[in-house]
Amino acid sequence: MKPRAVLIGPPAAGKSRLGRRIASRLGVGFVDTDKLVVAEHGPIPEIFEHMGESTFRVWERAAVISALGTDGIVSLGGGAILDVDTRLDLRDHNVILITATPDAIESRLAAGTRPLLTEGIDSWKNLVSVRQPIYDELARFTVDTSRGTMDSIADEIANRLKVE
């Protein structure tokens, strides 16, 4: 058993919102690895503050292993791809890179607290510049969420997955 698709990409690109919509359209389950970590260990900002990023990454890896054992749509946290074993695991999956322009991301960042993005859009740009080669290496195709509605983008991805 393996997921129909695994969504990767930078924070605030829309992986979770899209993943739920795609899963609904395909009539399959949806798993968000960040939600798995939160359900078991508490809010991510608190994990970073009290336990550190390295502890979060260990727990995130466990969530990735669990999620990749499902047969629906999986959304990985933006940094999950930093783990070498996760990258190896993703070689056999239908990986979709979800991305957006910095202009689109900037307004999305205003709504939340993300531990690695304390400097706002500048932090995001730096993070993406480091991770982009890994995202590009893993992805079978890329979808930009900067324009259009999440519903229309989800329709496009779901239709593509139906024919694969």
C-alpha atoms as a PDB file:
ATOM      1  CA  MET A   1       0.000   0.000   0.000  1.00  0.00           C
ATOM      2  CA  LYS A   2       1.295   3.440  -0.842  1.00  0.00           C
ATOM      3  CA  PRO A   3      -0.172   6.932  -1.145  1.00  0.00           C
ATOM      4  CA  ARG A   4      -1.734   8.100  -4.396  1.00  0.00           C
ATOM      5  CA  ALA A   5       0.437  11.232  -4.057  1.00  0.00           C
ATOM      6  CA  VAL A   6       2.794  12.903  -1.613  1.00  0.00           C
ATOM      7  CA  LEU A   7       2.779  16.698  -1.474  1.00  0.00           C
ATOM      8  CA  ILE A   8       6.044  18.442  -0.644  1.00  0.00           C
ATOM      9  CA  GLY A   9       7.037  22.082  -0.685  1.00  0.00           C
ATOM     10  CA  PRO A  10       7.884  25.110   1.394  1.00  0.00           C
ATOM     11  CA  PRO A  11       5.852  26.334   4.346  1.00  0.00           C
ATOM     12  CA  ALA A  12       2.632  28.179   3.486  1.00  0.00           C
ATOM     13  CA  ALA A  13       2.542  26.901  -0.105  1.00  0.00           C
ATOM     14  CA  GLY A  14      -0.844  25.267   0.501  1.00  0.00           C
ATOM     15  CA  LYS A  15       0.039  21.572   0.849  1.00  0.00           C
ATOM     16  CA  SER A  16      -2.464  20.850   3.619  1.00  0.00           C
ATOM     17  CA  ARG A  17      -5.342  22.804   2.089  1.00  0.00           C
ATOM     18  CA  LEU A  18      -4.760  21.219  -1.301  1.00  0.00           C
ATOM     19  CA  GLY A  19      -4.217  17.752   0.105  1.00  0.00           C
ATOM     20  CA  ARG A  20      -7.599  17.707   1.858  1.00  0.00           C
ATOM     21  CA  ARG A  21      -9.345  18.895  -1.306  1.00  0.00           C
ATOM     22  CA  ILE A  22      -7.547  16.424  -3.589  1.00  0.00           C
ATOM     23  CA  ALA A  23      -8.311  13.519  -1.246  1.00  0.00           C
ATOM     24  CA  SER A  24     -11.969  14.510  -1.138  1.00  0.00           C
ATOM     25  CA  ARG A  25     -12.196  14.607  -4.926  1.00  0.00           C
ATOM     26  CA  LEU A  26     -10.555  11.189  -5.231  1.00  0.00           C
ATOM     27  CA  GLY A  27     -12.520   9.640  -2.376  1.00  0.00           C
ATOM     28  CA  VAL A  28      -9.366   8.667  -0.471  1.00  0.00           C
ATOM     29  CA  GLY A  29      -7.918   9.505   2.928  1.00  0.00           C
ATOM     30  CA  PHE A  30      -5.662  12.427   3.762  1.00  0.00           C
ATOM     31  CA  VAL A  31      -2.721  12.491   6.169  1.00  0.00           C
ATOM     32  CA  ASP A  32      -0.772  15.605   7.164  1.00  0.00           C
ATOM     33  CA  THR A  33       2.499  14.731   8.923  1.00  0.00           C
ATOM     34  CA  ASP A  34       2.537  18.009  10.856  1.00  0.00           C
ATOM     35  CA  LYS A  35      -0.918  17.164  12.233  1.00  0.00           C
ATOM     36  CA  LEU A  36       0.336  13.732  13.286  1.00  0.00           C
ATOM     37  CA  VAL A  37       3.207  15.323  15.220  1.00  0.00           C
ATOM     38  CA  VAL A  38       0.884  17.879  16.850  1.00  0.00           C
ATOM     39  CA  ALA A  39      -1.623  15.192  17.844  1.00  0.00           C
ATOM     40  CA  GLU A  40       1.051  13.171  19.600  1.00  0.00           C
ATOM     41  CA  HIS A  41       3.441  15.829  20.922  1.00  0.00           C
ATOM     42  CA  GLY A  42       1.709  19.220  20.956  1.00  0.00           C
ATOM     43  CA  PRO A  43       2.036  22.461  18.962  1.00  0.00           C
ATOM     44  CA  ILE A  44       5.070  22.672  16.688  1.00  0.00           C
ATOM     45  CA  PRO A  45       6.200  26.128  17.925  1.00  0.00           C
ATOM     46  CA  GLU A  46       6.255  24.748  21.480  1.00  0.00           C
ATOM     47  CA  ILE A  47       8.204  21.670  20.388  1.00  0.00           C
ATOM     48  CA  PHE A  48      10.817  23.907  18.763  1.00  0.00           C
ATOM     49  CA  GLU A  49      10.987  26.171  21.810  1.00  0.00           C
ATOM     50  CA  HIS A  50      11.173  23.496  24.512  1.00  0.00           C
ATOM     51  CA  MET A  51      12.615  20.432  22.785  1.00  0.00           C
ATOM     52  CA  GLY A  52      14.483  21.888  19.794  1.00  0.00           C
ATOM     53  CA  GLU A  53      14.372  21.320  16.075  1.00  0.00           C
ATOM     54  CA  SER A  54      16.309  18.050  16.260  1.00  0.00           C
ATOM     55  CA  THR A  55      13.635  16.460  18.474  1.00  0.00           C
ATOM     56  CA  PHE A  56      10.926  17.753  16.151  1.00  0.00           C
ATOM     57  CA  ARG A  57      12.726  16.176  13.147  1.00  0.00           C
ATOM     58  CA  VAL A  58      12.873  12.772  14.891  1.00  0.00           C
ATOM     59  CA  TRP A  59       9.142  12.924  15.584  1.00  0.00           C
ATOM     60  CA  GLU A  60       8.484  14.216  12.078  1.00  0.00           C
ATOM     61  CA  ARG A  61      10.357  11.250  10.592  1.00  0.00           C
ATOM     62  CA  ALA A  62       8.166   8.844  12.576  1.00  0.00           C
ATOM     63  CA  ALA A  63       5.092  10.672  11.242  1.00  0.00           C
ATOM     64  CA  VAL A  64       6.414  10.385   7.678  1.00  0.00           C
ATOM     65  CA  ILE A  65       6.912   6.621   8.048  1.00  0.00           C
ATOM     66  CA  SER A  66       3.356   6.280   9.332  1.00  0.00           C
ATOM     67  CA  ALA A  67       1.864   8.495   6.608  1.00  0.00           C
ATOM     68  CA  LEU A  68       3.681   6.724   3.779  1.00  0.00           C
ATOM     69  CA  GLY A  69       1.983   3.513   4.891  1.00  0.00           C
ATOM     70  CA  THR A  70      -1.434   4.889   3.929  1.00  0.00           C
ATOM     71  CA  ASP A  71      -3.118   4.809   0.537  1.00  0.00           C
ATOM     72  CA  GLY A  72      -4.481   8.332   0.185  1.00  0.00           C
ATOM     73  CA  ILE A  73      -2.927  11.746  -0.180  1.00  0.00           C
ATOM     74  CA  VAL A  74      -0.042  12.692   2.120  1.00  0.00           C
ATOM     75  CA  SER A  75       1.156  16.199   2.937  1.00  0.00           C
ATOM     76  CA  LEU A  76       4.668  16.439   4.346  1.00  0.00           C
ATOM     77  CA  GLY A  77       5.901  19.299   6.480  1.00  0.00           C
ATOM     78  CA  GLY A  78       8.147  21.638   4.508  1.00  0.00           C
ATOM     79  CA  GLY A  79      11.352  20.375   6.089  1.00  0.00           C
ATOM     80  CA  ALA A  80      10.578  16.660   6.079  1.00  0.00           C
ATOM     81  CA  ILE A  81      12.612  16.279   2.900  1.00  0.00           C
ATOM     82  CA  LEU A  82      15.768  17.242   4.799  1.00  0.00           C
ATOM     83  CA  ASP A  83      15.888  13.705   6.205  1.00  0.00           C
ATOM     84  CA  VAL A  84      17.964  11.428   3.978  1.00  0.00           C
ATOM     85  CA  ASP A  85      15.808   8.379   4.728  1.00  0.00           C
ATOM     86  CA  THR A  86      12.661  10.311   3.832  1.00  0.00           C
ATOM     87  CA  ARG A  87      14.218  11.310   0.517  1.00  0.00           C
ATOM     88  CA  LEU A  88      15.071   7.658  -0.159  1.00  0.00           C
ATOM     89  CA  ASP A  89      11.514   6.613   0.744  1.00  0.00           C
ATOM     90  CA  LEU A  90      10.033   9.187  -1.623  1.00  0.00           C
ATOM     91  CA  ARG A  91      11.826   7.782  -4.675  1.00  0.00           C
ATOM     92  CA  ASP A  92       9.047   5.215  -5.088  1.00  0.00           C
ATOM     93  CA  HIS A  93       6.150   7.654  -4.684  1.00  0.00           C
ATOM     94  CA  ASN A  94       4.217  10.080  -6.836  1.00  0.00           C
ATOM     95  CA  VAL A  95       5.668  13.288  -5.387  1.00  0.00           C
ATOM     96  CA  ILE A  96       4.131  16.653  -6.245  1.00  0.00           C
ATOM     97  CA  LEU A  97       5.894  19.908  -5.405  1.00  0.00           C
ATOM     98  CA  ILE A  98       3.475  22.571  -4.203  1.00  0.00           C
ATOM     99  CA  THR A  99       4.947  26.042  -4.392  1.00  0.00           C
ATOM    100  CA  ALA A 100       4.038  29.712  -4.596  1.00  0.00           C
ATOM    101  CA  THR A 101       5.703  33.035  -5.252  1.00  0.00           C
ATOM    102  CA  PRO A 102       7.121  35.079  -2.373  1.00  0.00           C
ATOM    103  CA  ASP A 103       4.383  37.682  -2.928  1.00  0.00           C
ATOM    104  CA  ALA A 104       1.677  35.054  -2.444  1.00  0.00           C
ATOM    105  CA  ILE A 105       3.453  33.548   0.562  1.00  0.00           C
ATOM    106  CA  GLU A 106       3.958  36.855   2.367  1.00  0.00           C
ATOM    107  CA  SER A 107       0.259  37.354   3.092  1.00  0.00           C
ATOM    108  CA  ARG A 108      -0.096  33.705   4.160  1.00  0.00           C
ATOM    109  CA  LEU A 109       2.733  34.035   6.678  1.00  0.00           C
ATOM    110  CA  ALA A 110       1.003  36.912   8.456  1.00  0.00           C
ATOM    111  CA  ALA A 111      -1.658  34.512   9.722  1.00  0.00           C
ATOM    112  CA  GLY A 112       0.493  32.148  11.755  1.00  0.00           C
ATOM    113  CA  THR A 113       3.536  31.316  13.805  1.00  0.00           C
ATOM    114  CA  ARG A 114       6.139  29.202  12.105  1.00  0.00           C
ATOM    115  CA  PRO A 115       9.302  28.528  14.100  1.00  0.00           C
ATOM    116  CA  LEU A 116      11.769  28.753  11.224  1.00  0.00           C
ATOM    117  CA  LEU A 117      10.187  31.872   9.730  1.00  0.00           C
ATOM    118  CA  THR A 118      10.742  34.438  12.461  1.00  0.00           C
ATOM    119  CA  GLU A 119      12.046  36.979   9.928  1.00  0.00           C
ATOM    120  CA  GLY A 120       8.945  36.702   7.732  1.00  0.00           C
ATOM    121  CA  ILE A 121       9.359  36.493   3.987  1.00  0.00           C
ATOM    122  CA  ASP A 122      13.155  36.861   4.153  1.00  0.00           C
ATOM    123  CA  SER A 123      13.375  33.734   6.319  1.00  0.00           C
ATOM    124  CA  TRP A 124      11.097  31.955   3.856  1.00  0.00           C
ATOM    125  CA  LYS A 125      13.234  32.939   0.848  1.00  0.00           C
ATOM    126  CA  ASN A 126      16.405  31.732   2.588  1.00  0.00           C
ATOM    127  CA  LEU A 127      14.780  28.453   3.602  1.00  0.00           C
ATOM    128  CA  VAL A 128      13.496  27.836   0.057  1.00  0.00           C
ATOM    129  CA  SER A 129      16.878  28.622  -1.509  1.00  0.00           C
ATOM    130  CA  VAL A 130      18.440  25.837   0.568  1.00  0.00           C
ATOM    131  CA  ARG A 131      15.649  23.302   0.050  1.00  0.00           C
ATOM    132  CA  GLN A 132      14.753  23.988  -3.609  1.00  0.00           C
ATOM    133  CA  PRO A 133      17.297  21.572  -5.130  1.00  0.00           C
ATOM    134  CA  ILE A 134      15.910  18.762  -2.947  1.00  0.00           C
ATOM    135  CA  TYR A 135      12.306  19.649  -3.804  1.00  0.00           C
ATOM    136  CA  ASP A 136      13.177  19.686  -7.515  1.00  0.00           C
ATOM    137  CA  GLU A 137      15.006  16.360  -7.306  1.00  0.00           C
ATOM    138  CA  LEU A 138      12.074  14.600  -5.630  1.00  0.00           C
ATOM    139  CA  ALA A 139       9.104  16.047  -7.518  1.00  0.00           C
ATOM    140  CA  ARG A 140       7.514  14.396 -10.535  1.00  0.00           C
ATOM    141  CA  PHE A 141       5.729  17.676 -11.276  1.00  0.00           C
ATOM    142  CA  THR A 142       5.206  21.114  -9.741  1.00  0.00           C
ATOM    143  CA  VAL A 143       2.032  23.075  -9.075  1.00  0.00           C
ATOM    144  CA  ASP A 144       2.099  26.777  -8.211  1.00  0.00           C
ATOM    145  CA  THR A 145      -0.660  27.999  -5.880  1.00  0.00           C
ATOM    146  CA  SER A 146       0.015  31.715  -6.379  1.00  0.00           C
ATOM    147  CA  ARG A 147      -2.903  32.203  -8.752  1.00  0.00           C
ATOM    148  CA  GLY A 148      -6.278  30.555  -9.059  1.00  0.00           C
ATOM    149  CA  THR A 149      -8.397  29.089  -6.328  1.00  0.00           C
ATOM    150  CA  MET A 150      -7.391  26.125  -4.212  1.00  0.00           C
ATOM    151  CA  ASP A 151     -10.501  24.350  -5.520  1.00  0.00           C
ATOM    152  CA  SER A 152      -9.492  24.770  -9.174  1.00  0.00           C
ATOM    153  CA  ILE A 153      -5.916  23.726  -8.421  1.00  0.00           C
ATOM    154  CA  ALA A 154      -7.165  20.670  -6.497  1.00  0.00           C
ATOM    155  CA  ASP A 155      -9.405  19.764  -9.452  1.00  0.00           C
ATOM    156  CA  GLU A 156      -6.404  19.972 -11.805  1.00  0.00           C
ATOM    157  CA  ILE A 157      -4.246  17.739  -9.603  1.00  0.00           C
ATOM    158  CA  ALA A 158      -7.031  15.233  -8.902  1.00  0.00           C
ATOM    159  CA  ASN A 159      -7.788  14.935 -12.632  1.00  0.00           C
ATOM    160  CA  ARG A 160      -4.125  14.341 -13.365  1.00  0.00           C
ATOM    161  CA  LEU A 161      -3.909  11.673 -10.651  1.00  0.00           C
ATOM    162  CA  LYS A 162      -6.990   9.900 -12.035  1.00  0.00           C
ATOM    163  CA  VAL A 163      -5.232   9.256 -15.342  1.00  0.00           C
ATOM    164  CA  GLU A 164      -1.864   8.207 -13.897  1.00  0.00           C
END
